[in-house]
Protein backbone atom coordinates (compact mmCIF):
# COMPACT_ATOMS: atom_id res chain seq x y z
CA UNK A 1 28.90 35.72 -34.62
CA UNK A 2 32.50 36.98 -34.76
CA UNK A 3 33.93 40.27 -36.02
CA UNK A 4 35.65 38.29 -38.80
CA UNK A 5 32.24 37.35 -40.20
CA UNK A 6 31.30 41.04 -40.57
CA UNK A 7 33.62 41.57 -43.53
CA UNK A 8 35.99 43.81 -41.60
CA UNK A 9 39.59 44.10 -42.82
CA UNK A 10 42.57 42.75 -40.91
CA UNK A 11 43.72 46.17 -39.72
CA UNK A 12 40.41 46.68 -37.89
CA UNK A 13 40.40 43.13 -36.52
CA UNK A 14 43.89 43.74 -35.17
CA UNK A 15 42.72 46.90 -33.41
CA UNK A 16 39.70 45.10 -31.95
CA UNK A 17 41.92 42.31 -30.70
CA UNK A 18 44.20 44.84 -29.01
CA UNK A 19 41.13 46.30 -27.29
CA UNK A 20 40.02 42.79 -26.18
CA UNK A 21 36.79 42.93 -28.17
CA UNK A 22 35.79 39.29 -28.51
CA UNK A 23 32.45 39.33 -30.32
CA UNK A 24 30.08 41.98 -31.67
CA UNK A 25 27.08 43.24 -29.75
CA UNK A 26 23.61 43.08 -31.26
CA UNK A 27 23.71 46.63 -32.63
CA UNK A 28 27.15 45.97 -34.16
CA UNK A 29 26.13 42.62 -35.60
CA UNK A 30 23.07 44.10 -37.32
CA UNK A 31 24.35 47.60 -38.06
CA UNK A 32 27.86 47.14 -39.49
CA UNK A 33 26.78 45.20 -42.63
CA UNK A 34 24.09 47.81 -43.37
CA UNK A 35 26.55 50.70 -43.11
CA UNK A 36 29.09 48.86 -45.29
CA UNK A 37 26.40 48.50 -47.97
CA UNK A 38 26.11 52.29 -48.07
CA UNK A 39 22.55 52.39 -46.73
CA UNK A 40 21.10 54.99 -44.38
CA UNK A 41 20.53 53.62 -40.89
CA UNK A 42 18.56 54.52 -37.78
CA UNK A 43 19.70 52.62 -34.70
CA UNK A 44 17.93 52.75 -31.34
CA UNK A 45 19.79 51.15 -28.45
CA UNK A 46 20.56 52.09 -24.88
CA UNK A 47 23.93 53.08 -23.50
CA UNK A 48 26.47 50.29 -23.24
CA UNK A 49 25.35 48.39 -26.34
CA UNK A 50 28.29 49.42 -28.53
CA UNK A 51 26.72 52.02 -30.82
CA UNK A 52 30.02 53.87 -31.37
CA UNK A 53 31.78 50.85 -32.86
CA UNK A 54 28.67 50.12 -34.95
CA UNK A 55 29.23 53.29 -36.97
CA UNK A 56 32.96 53.89 -36.43
CA UNK A 57 34.31 50.57 -37.74
CA UNK A 58 32.50 50.58 -41.11
CA UNK A 59 33.17 54.33 -41.51
CA UNK A 60 36.92 53.80 -41.17
CA UNK A 61 36.86 50.92 -43.67
CA UNK A 62 34.87 52.90 -46.23
CA UNK A 63 37.08 55.99 -45.96
CA UNK A 64 40.20 53.87 -46.45
CA UNK A 65 38.79 52.70 -49.76
CA UNK A 66 38.11 56.22 -51.08
CA UNK A 67 40.64 58.09 -53.24
CA UNK A 68 42.73 60.81 -51.59
CA UNK A 69 40.60 63.87 -50.90
CA UNK A 70 41.18 67.14 -52.70
CA UNK A 71 41.48 69.64 -49.84
CA UNK A 72 43.23 69.24 -46.50
CA UNK A 73 40.58 71.28 -44.67
CA UNK A 74 37.67 69.23 -46.05
CA UNK A 75 36.38 66.25 -44.09
CA UNK A 76 35.02 62.96 -45.36
CA UNK A 77 32.99 61.96 -42.29
CA UNK A 78 31.24 64.15 -39.74
CA UNK A 79 29.92 62.90 -36.40
CA UNK A 80 27.65 65.31 -34.52
CA UNK A 81 27.26 64.80 -30.76
CA UNK A 82 25.47 66.75 -28.00
CA UNK A 83 28.25 67.18 -25.42
CA UNK A 84 31.96 67.88 -25.25
CA UNK A 85 32.66 64.76 -23.22
CA UNK A 86 30.91 62.55 -25.74
CA UNK A 87 32.89 64.18 -28.57
CA UNK A 88 36.16 63.37 -26.82
CA UNK A 89 34.99 59.84 -26.07
CA UNK A 90 33.95 59.15 -29.68
CA UNK A 91 37.16 60.72 -31.01
CA UNK A 92 39.23 58.46 -28.76
CA UNK A 93 37.30 55.40 -29.99
CA UNK A 94 37.88 56.30 -33.65
CA UNK A 95 41.61 56.72 -33.04
CA UNK A 96 41.80 53.36 -31.27
CA UNK A 97 39.96 51.54 -34.06
CA UNK A 98 42.04 53.25 -36.78
CA UNK A 99 45.41 52.56 -35.15
CA UNK A 100 46.57 50.10 -37.84
CA UNK A 101 44.97 51.51 -41.00
CA UNK A 102 47.24 51.33 -44.09
CA UNK A 103 46.74 55.03 -44.75
CA UNK A 104 46.68 57.27 -41.67
CA UNK A 105 43.16 58.13 -40.59
CA UNK A 106 43.19 61.63 -39.11
CA UNK A 107 40.56 62.37 -36.47
CA UNK A 108 39.77 65.65 -34.71
CA UNK A 109 37.29 66.72 -32.04
CA UNK A 110 35.74 70.16 -32.49
CA UNK A 111 34.19 71.35 -29.23
CA UNK A 112 33.54 74.50 -27.27
CA UNK A 113 35.43 75.23 -24.08
CA UNK A 114 38.79 74.73 -25.80
CA UNK A 115 40.86 77.23 -27.85
CA UNK A 116 39.46 77.38 -31.37
CA UNK A 117 42.92 78.33 -32.71
CA UNK A 118 44.27 74.88 -31.83
CA UNK A 119 41.38 73.22 -33.68
CA UNK A 120 41.92 75.47 -36.71
CA UNK A 121 45.58 74.44 -36.83
CA UNK A 122 44.52 70.79 -36.67
CA UNK A 123 42.08 71.24 -39.54
CA UNK A 124 44.70 72.96 -41.68
CA UNK A 125 47.03 69.99 -41.19
CA UNK A 126 44.41 67.72 -42.75
CA UNK A 127 41.53 65.74 -41.24
CA UNK A 128 39.44 62.79 -42.42
CA UNK A 129 36.91 62.49 -39.60
CA UNK A 130 35.53 65.33 -37.46
CA UNK A 131 33.60 64.71 -34.26
CA UNK A 132 31.87 67.94 -33.34
CA UNK A 133 29.32 69.68 -31.19
CA UNK A 134 26.97 71.78 -33.39
CA UNK A 135 27.87 75.21 -31.99
CA UNK A 136 31.62 74.92 -32.49
CA UNK A 137 31.17 73.35 -35.93
CA UNK A 138 29.04 76.30 -37.11
CA UNK A 139 31.64 78.73 -35.76
CA UNK A 140 34.33 77.01 -37.84
CA UNK A 141 32.08 76.94 -40.92
CA UNK A 142 31.49 80.69 -40.61
CA UNK A 143 35.24 81.26 -40.38
CA UNK A 144 35.65 79.07 -43.49
CA UNK A 145 38.12 76.86 -41.63
CA UNK A 146 36.31 73.60 -42.40
CA UNK A 147 34.88 72.46 -45.72
CA UNK A 148 32.13 69.89 -46.05
CA UNK A 149 31.68 69.63 -49.83
CA UNK A 150 33.53 66.28 -49.95
CA UNK A 151 31.51 64.84 -47.07
CA UNK A 152 30.58 61.18 -47.60
CA UNK A 153 29.11 60.14 -44.24
CA UNK A 154 27.06 62.06 -41.66
CA UNK A 155 26.48 60.53 -38.22
CA UNK A 156 24.12 61.90 -35.58
CA UNK A 157 25.03 60.29 -32.26
CA UNK A 158 22.77 60.56 -29.18
CA UNK A 159 20.20 62.34 -31.34
CA UNK A 160 17.62 62.41 -28.54
CA UNK A 161 19.86 64.42 -26.20
CA UNK A 162 20.97 66.65 -29.05
CA UNK A 163 17.34 67.74 -29.44
CA UNK A 164 16.76 67.87 -25.68
CA UNK A 165 19.57 70.42 -25.48
CA UNK A 166 17.86 72.60 -28.07
CA UNK A 167 20.19 72.01 -31.02
CA UNK A 168 17.44 71.68 -33.65
CA UNK A 169 18.14 75.06 -35.27
CA UNK A 170 21.89 74.44 -35.31
CA UNK A 171 21.31 71.05 -36.92
CA UNK A 172 19.21 72.64 -39.65
CA UNK A 173 22.02 75.11 -40.34
CA UNK A 174 24.57 72.28 -40.57
CA UNK A 175 22.33 70.27 -42.91
CA UNK A 176 22.11 73.26 -45.25
CA UNK A 177 25.92 73.31 -45.57
CA UNK A 178 26.53 69.68 -46.51
CA UNK A 179 26.10 67.80 -49.81
CA UNK A 180 22.69 66.32 -50.61
CA UNK A 181 24.32 63.09 -51.74
CA UNK A 182 25.72 61.42 -48.61
CA UNK A 183 25.18 58.46 -46.32
CA UNK A 184 23.27 59.28 -43.11
CA UNK A 185 23.45 57.36 -39.84
CA UNK A 186 21.34 58.27 -36.82
CA UNK A 187 21.82 56.66 -33.41
CA UNK A 188 19.75 57.31 -30.31
CA UNK A 189 19.02 55.81 -26.92
CA UNK A 190 15.33 56.77 -27.02
CA UNK A 191 12.87 57.49 -29.82
CA UNK A 192 10.57 60.41 -28.92
CA UNK A 193 8.47 62.05 -31.64
CA UNK A 194 11.00 64.81 -32.31
CA UNK A 195 13.71 62.25 -33.09
CA UNK A 196 11.36 60.43 -35.46
CA UNK A 197 10.64 63.76 -37.18
CA UNK A 198 14.38 64.44 -37.48
CA UNK A 199 14.99 60.99 -38.96
CA UNK A 200 12.31 61.56 -41.59
CA UNK A 201 13.92 64.84 -42.63
CA UNK A 202 17.47 63.52 -43.14
CA UNK A 203 17.36 59.77 -43.69
CA UNK A 204 16.60 58.28 -47.11
CA UNK A 205 14.91 54.85 -47.08
CA UNK A 206 16.73 53.90 -43.88
CA UNK A 207 17.04 50.48 -42.33
CA UNK A 208 15.77 50.67 -38.74
CA UNK A 209 17.35 48.65 -35.94
CA UNK A 210 15.87 48.60 -32.45
CA UNK A 211 17.62 46.70 -29.69
CA UNK A 212 15.15 45.70 -27.00
CA UNK A 213 16.03 46.91 -23.52
CA UNK A 214 15.99 43.47 -21.92
CA UNK A 215 18.67 42.34 -24.38
CA UNK A 216 20.99 45.04 -23.06
CA UNK A 217 20.67 44.70 -19.29
CA UNK A 218 20.74 40.97 -18.54
CA UNK A 219 24.07 41.20 -16.67
CA UNK A 220 22.97 44.04 -14.39
CA UNK A 221 21.74 43.23 -10.88
CA UNK A 222 18.90 45.64 -10.18
CA UNK A 223 18.03 46.51 -6.58
CA UNK A 224 15.38 48.76 -5.05
CA UNK A 225 15.98 49.95 -1.50
CA UNK A 226 13.17 51.56 0.49
CA UNK A 227 14.21 54.47 2.68
CA UNK A 228 12.77 57.67 4.11
CA UNK A 229 13.65 60.80 2.14
CA UNK A 230 15.58 62.31 5.04
CA UNK A 231 17.68 59.14 5.45
CA UNK A 232 18.85 58.78 1.84
CA UNK A 233 22.23 60.41 2.34
CA UNK A 234 22.97 58.41 5.50
CA UNK A 235 22.04 55.22 3.67
CA UNK A 236 24.24 56.18 0.73
CA UNK A 237 27.24 56.76 3.02
CA UNK A 238 26.61 53.40 4.70
CA UNK A 239 26.43 51.54 1.38
CA UNK A 240 29.57 53.20 -0.01
CA UNK A 241 31.54 52.10 3.05
CA UNK A 242 30.01 48.62 3.43
CA UNK A 243 29.62 47.44 -0.18
CA UNK A 244 33.20 48.28 -1.29
CA UNK A 245 32.31 49.42 -4.80
CA UNK A 246 35.37 50.42 -6.78
CA UNK A 247 33.72 53.07 -8.95
CA UNK A 248 30.24 54.42 -8.41
CA UNK A 249 28.15 56.79 -10.50
CA UNK A 250 25.34 58.49 -8.57
CA UNK A 251 22.47 60.12 -10.45
CA UNK A 252 20.66 63.13 -9.01
CA UNK A 253 17.90 65.34 -10.38
CA UNK A 254 19.69 68.71 -10.56
CA UNK A 255 23.03 70.50 -10.60
CA UNK A 256 22.30 71.91 -7.15
CA UNK A 257 21.64 68.44 -5.77
CA UNK A 258 24.93 67.23 -7.26
CA UNK A 259 26.88 70.04 -5.61
CA UNK A 260 25.17 69.61 -2.23
CA UNK A 261 25.53 65.83 -2.12
CA UNK A 262 29.21 65.90 -3.15
CA UNK A 263 29.94 68.51 -0.48
CA UNK A 264 28.19 66.56 2.27
CA UNK A 265 29.87 63.28 1.35
CA UNK A 266 33.28 64.97 1.31
CA UNK A 267 32.63 66.45 4.78
CA UNK A 268 31.95 62.90 6.00
CA UNK A 269 35.25 61.53 4.72
CA UNK A 270 34.03 60.18 1.36
CA UNK A 271 35.90 61.61 -1.61
CA UNK A 272 33.32 62.56 -4.21
CA UNK A 273 32.95 65.07 -7.05
CA UNK A 274 29.93 66.62 -8.72
CA UNK A 275 29.78 66.59 -12.51
CA UNK A 276 27.39 68.87 -14.39
CA UNK A 277 27.01 71.57 -17.01
CA UNK A 278 27.97 74.51 -14.76
CA UNK A 279 31.60 73.32 -14.69
CA UNK A 280 33.93 74.64 -17.37
CA UNK A 281 35.54 72.25 -19.83
CA UNK A 282 38.85 72.12 -17.97
CA UNK A 283 37.13 71.20 -14.70
CA UNK A 284 34.95 68.60 -16.37
CA UNK A 285 37.88 66.98 -18.18
CA UNK A 286 39.97 66.94 -15.00
CA UNK A 287 37.21 65.29 -12.95
CA UNK A 288 36.42 62.75 -15.64
CA UNK A 289 40.09 61.81 -16.07
CA UNK A 290 40.46 61.29 -12.32
CA UNK A 291 37.39 59.06 -12.35
CA UNK A 292 38.68 57.02 -15.30
CA UNK A 293 42.13 56.72 -13.70
CA UNK A 294 40.55 55.54 -10.41
CA UNK A 295 41.90 58.51 -8.50
CA UNK A 296 38.28 59.33 -7.75
CA UNK A 297 35.70 56.64 -6.99
CA UNK A 298 32.47 58.55 -6.47
CA UNK A 299 30.98 60.73 -9.20
CA UNK A 300 27.65 62.53 -8.77
CA UNK A 301 26.06 63.56 -12.05
CA UNK A 302 22.95 64.79 -13.75
CA UNK A 303 21.53 62.88 -16.73
CA UNK A 304 22.81 65.27 -19.39
CA UNK A 305 26.35 65.46 -18.03
CA UNK A 306 26.57 61.68 -17.75
CA UNK A 307 26.16 61.26 -21.52
CA UNK A 308 29.91 61.74 -21.90
CA UNK A 309 30.93 59.20 -19.27
CA UNK A 310 32.23 55.95 -20.74
CA UNK A 311 33.77 53.68 -18.09
CA UNK A 312 33.89 50.02 -19.05
CA UNK A 313 34.37 48.73 -15.51
CA UNK A 314 31.88 50.91 -13.67
CA UNK A 315 30.80 48.69 -10.80
CA UNK A 316 27.68 50.46 -9.57
CA UNK A 317 25.05 53.00 -10.60
CA UNK A 318 22.81 54.55 -7.95
CA UNK A 319 19.55 56.32 -8.66
CA UNK A 320 19.70 58.62 -5.64
CA UNK A 321 16.88 60.56 -7.29
CA UNK A 322 14.68 58.56 -9.65
CA UNK A 323 14.74 59.46 -13.35
CA UNK A 324 11.75 61.11 -14.98
CA UNK A 325 10.98 58.26 -17.36
CA UNK A 326 11.40 54.54 -17.87
CA UNK A 327 13.66 55.22 -20.87
CA UNK A 328 15.94 57.36 -18.71
CA UNK A 329 16.02 54.58 -16.10
CA UNK A 330 17.18 52.08 -18.71
CA UNK A 331 19.74 54.55 -20.02
CA UNK A 332 21.12 55.19 -16.54
CA UNK A 333 21.54 51.58 -15.48
CA UNK A 334 23.17 50.83 -18.84
CA UNK A 335 26.21 52.73 -17.59
CA UNK A 336 27.21 49.62 -15.66
CA UNK A 337 27.49 46.01 -16.83
CA UNK A 338 29.19 47.02 -20.08
CA UNK A 339 31.28 44.95 -22.48
CA UNK A 340 30.13 41.69 -20.90
CA UNK A 341 31.02 42.71 -17.34
CA UNK A 342 28.55 42.47 -14.47
CA UNK A 343 27.22 45.50 -12.63
CA UNK A 344 24.82 46.68 -9.94
CA UNK A 345 22.08 49.31 -10.29
CA UNK A 346 20.42 50.54 -7.10
CA UNK A 347 17.37 52.78 -6.84
CA UNK A 348 16.35 54.56 -3.63
CA UNK A 349 12.57 54.34 -3.18
CA UNK A 350 10.81 56.72 -0.79
CA UNK A 351 7.15 57.17 0.12
CA UNK A 352 7.07 60.08 -2.31
CA UNK A 353 8.51 58.11 -5.26
CA UNK A 354 7.14 54.59 -4.81
CA UNK A 355 4.25 55.09 -7.26
CA UNK A 356 6.62 56.53 -9.86
CA UNK A 357 8.96 53.56 -9.50
CA UNK A 358 6.05 51.15 -9.99
CA UNK A 359 5.33 52.92 -13.27
CA UNK A 360 8.98 52.57 -14.32
CA UNK A 361 8.79 48.83 -13.56
CA UNK A 362 5.63 48.44 -15.63
CA UNK A 363 7.06 50.26 -18.63
CA UNK A 364 10.33 48.31 -18.53
CA UNK A 365 8.53 44.96 -18.00
CA UNK A 366 10.43 44.65 -14.76
CA UNK A 367 9.73 43.53 -11.21
CA UNK A 368 12.35 44.34 -8.59
CA UNK A 369 12.09 43.07 -5.04
CA UNK A 370 12.02 45.81 -2.43
CA UNK A 371 14.58 45.61 0.34
CA UNK A 372 15.36 47.58 3.46
CA UNK A 373 18.75 48.01 5.10
CA UNK A 374 18.87 47.48 8.91
CA UNK A 375 19.17 50.83 10.61
CA UNK A 376 17.72 52.69 7.61
CA UNK A 377 14.26 51.12 7.37
CA UNK A 378 11.39 53.08 5.90
CA UNK A 379 9.13 54.09 8.79
CA UNK A 380 6.31 56.46 9.60
CA UNK A 381 3.38 56.94 7.27
CA UNK A 382 3.05 57.91 3.64
CA UNK A 383 2.41 61.60 2.98
CA UNK A 384 -1.22 62.49 2.29
CA UNK A 385 -1.59 63.91 -1.18
CA UNK A 386 -3.93 66.89 -1.48
CA UNK A 387 -4.51 68.25 -4.95
CA UNK A 388 -2.72 71.56 -5.39
CA UNK A 389 -0.67 71.18 -2.21
CA UNK A 390 2.63 69.57 -1.29
CA UNK A 391 2.23 66.09 0.27
CA UNK A 392 1.62 66.17 4.03
CA UNK A 393 2.58 63.30 6.28
CA UNK A 394 -0.24 61.58 8.08
CA UNK A 395 -2.67 58.72 7.80
CA UNK A 396 -4.71 58.62 4.61
CA UNK A 397 -8.43 59.04 5.25
CA UNK A 398 -10.76 56.32 4.05
CA UNK A 399 -13.64 57.10 1.72
CA UNK A 400 -16.04 56.49 4.60
CA UNK A 401 -14.22 59.01 6.84
CA UNK A 402 -14.19 61.60 4.05
CA UNK A 403 -17.96 61.24 3.57
CA UNK A 404 -18.53 61.68 7.33
CA UNK A 405 -16.40 64.82 7.31
CA UNK A 406 -18.33 66.25 4.37
CA UNK A 407 -21.64 65.52 6.08
CA UNK A 408 -20.53 67.21 9.31
CA UNK A 409 -19.67 70.35 7.32
CA UNK A 410 -23.06 70.36 5.63
CA UNK A 411 -21.68 69.37 2.23
CA UNK A 412 -23.50 66.83 0.03
CA UNK A 413 -21.89 63.39 -0.04
CA UNK A 414 -22.73 62.69 -3.68
CA UNK A 415 -21.45 64.09 -6.98
CA UNK A 416 -23.32 67.22 -7.95
CA UNK A 417 -23.21 70.02 -10.49
CA UNK A 418 -23.49 73.74 -9.92
CA UNK A 419 -26.53 75.62 -11.18
CA UNK A 420 -26.09 76.43 -14.82
CA UNK A 421 -24.00 73.33 -15.58
CA UNK A 422 -25.20 71.06 -18.38
CA UNK A 423 -27.00 68.04 -16.96
């Protein structure tokens, strides 16, 4: 299918051509016609599948066909996002798609960490589409600097992370300020129960689109490298120098891990930056711009911070620390191999995490061959797991040996109940 077949006007097709978009992704192919029909939509698809264009393109077309709005400070479309970086990314996409519209389409990002006075001036000059984080939007509503009574379209982007960040109360406040009659679009990478509950509360007879994970990651080479926990950093340094990746995104479990790893890599001659929520907006924007401009090749991020990273030619993603869930794994690796390009996703597997990775494989219907890198082979023995204690390294005892040990200590070697227990 082509973009021409989606009933998009020439001014949008011209913009897509300038951006070298050749054909729609699955979420765009299925979602754009539904949005153009004015229906509510819930779209579930991982990162890299083109969700932004799926709601931005039809939104621009529909707003162009509306009569001129009554108030400059009122907006016609509102896109709510969880992070500042994602707001800037979505705002940039809207501006690119709307470059050739017959009537100027004015777009603004409303985020914390930047002077609110500048955003107020932008609103007073007139805006059609606002991309906002919930906290800053509510601040502007309270100041009566933005009006939502003419709102036609509401979009919730990355709804799962919006709720993970604790924005449910803020969302309820926003919903109470907007017209009942509107079109609602909800997009998410995962569909936990709280997102389903949110969709029920705001969507009216929605069409549901779910893009299967295997449809989104066919051009990503997935690798699993076994290594001892204390050799992970050395292995990472070796791979960075030997594999010649142009841009690499490394996922870690915490802000502290991001800071520590970036510092140690830098001390060993590898230019790297950590990227997480403890940085102020200026620092985050500066680091992200350097990464996009290829002045920085190694970025170490937590899952939440990475939601605002949109690099089309990201060559490699590394799971230095494994994600908590299979959904998060799919979301992480979807950062590479975007827009038809190929990519590599590498996961470090240790004795401590091998069972967890097997579970991730099962839940993603995946089977990844284990490999070991010469000089960094996994050696020693798996830690012995004792309930209530941290794993201790050593040989696991067989059931026979455990029974012998119990017998030597005078303990019964069969299941038993204490006196007073129900039999």
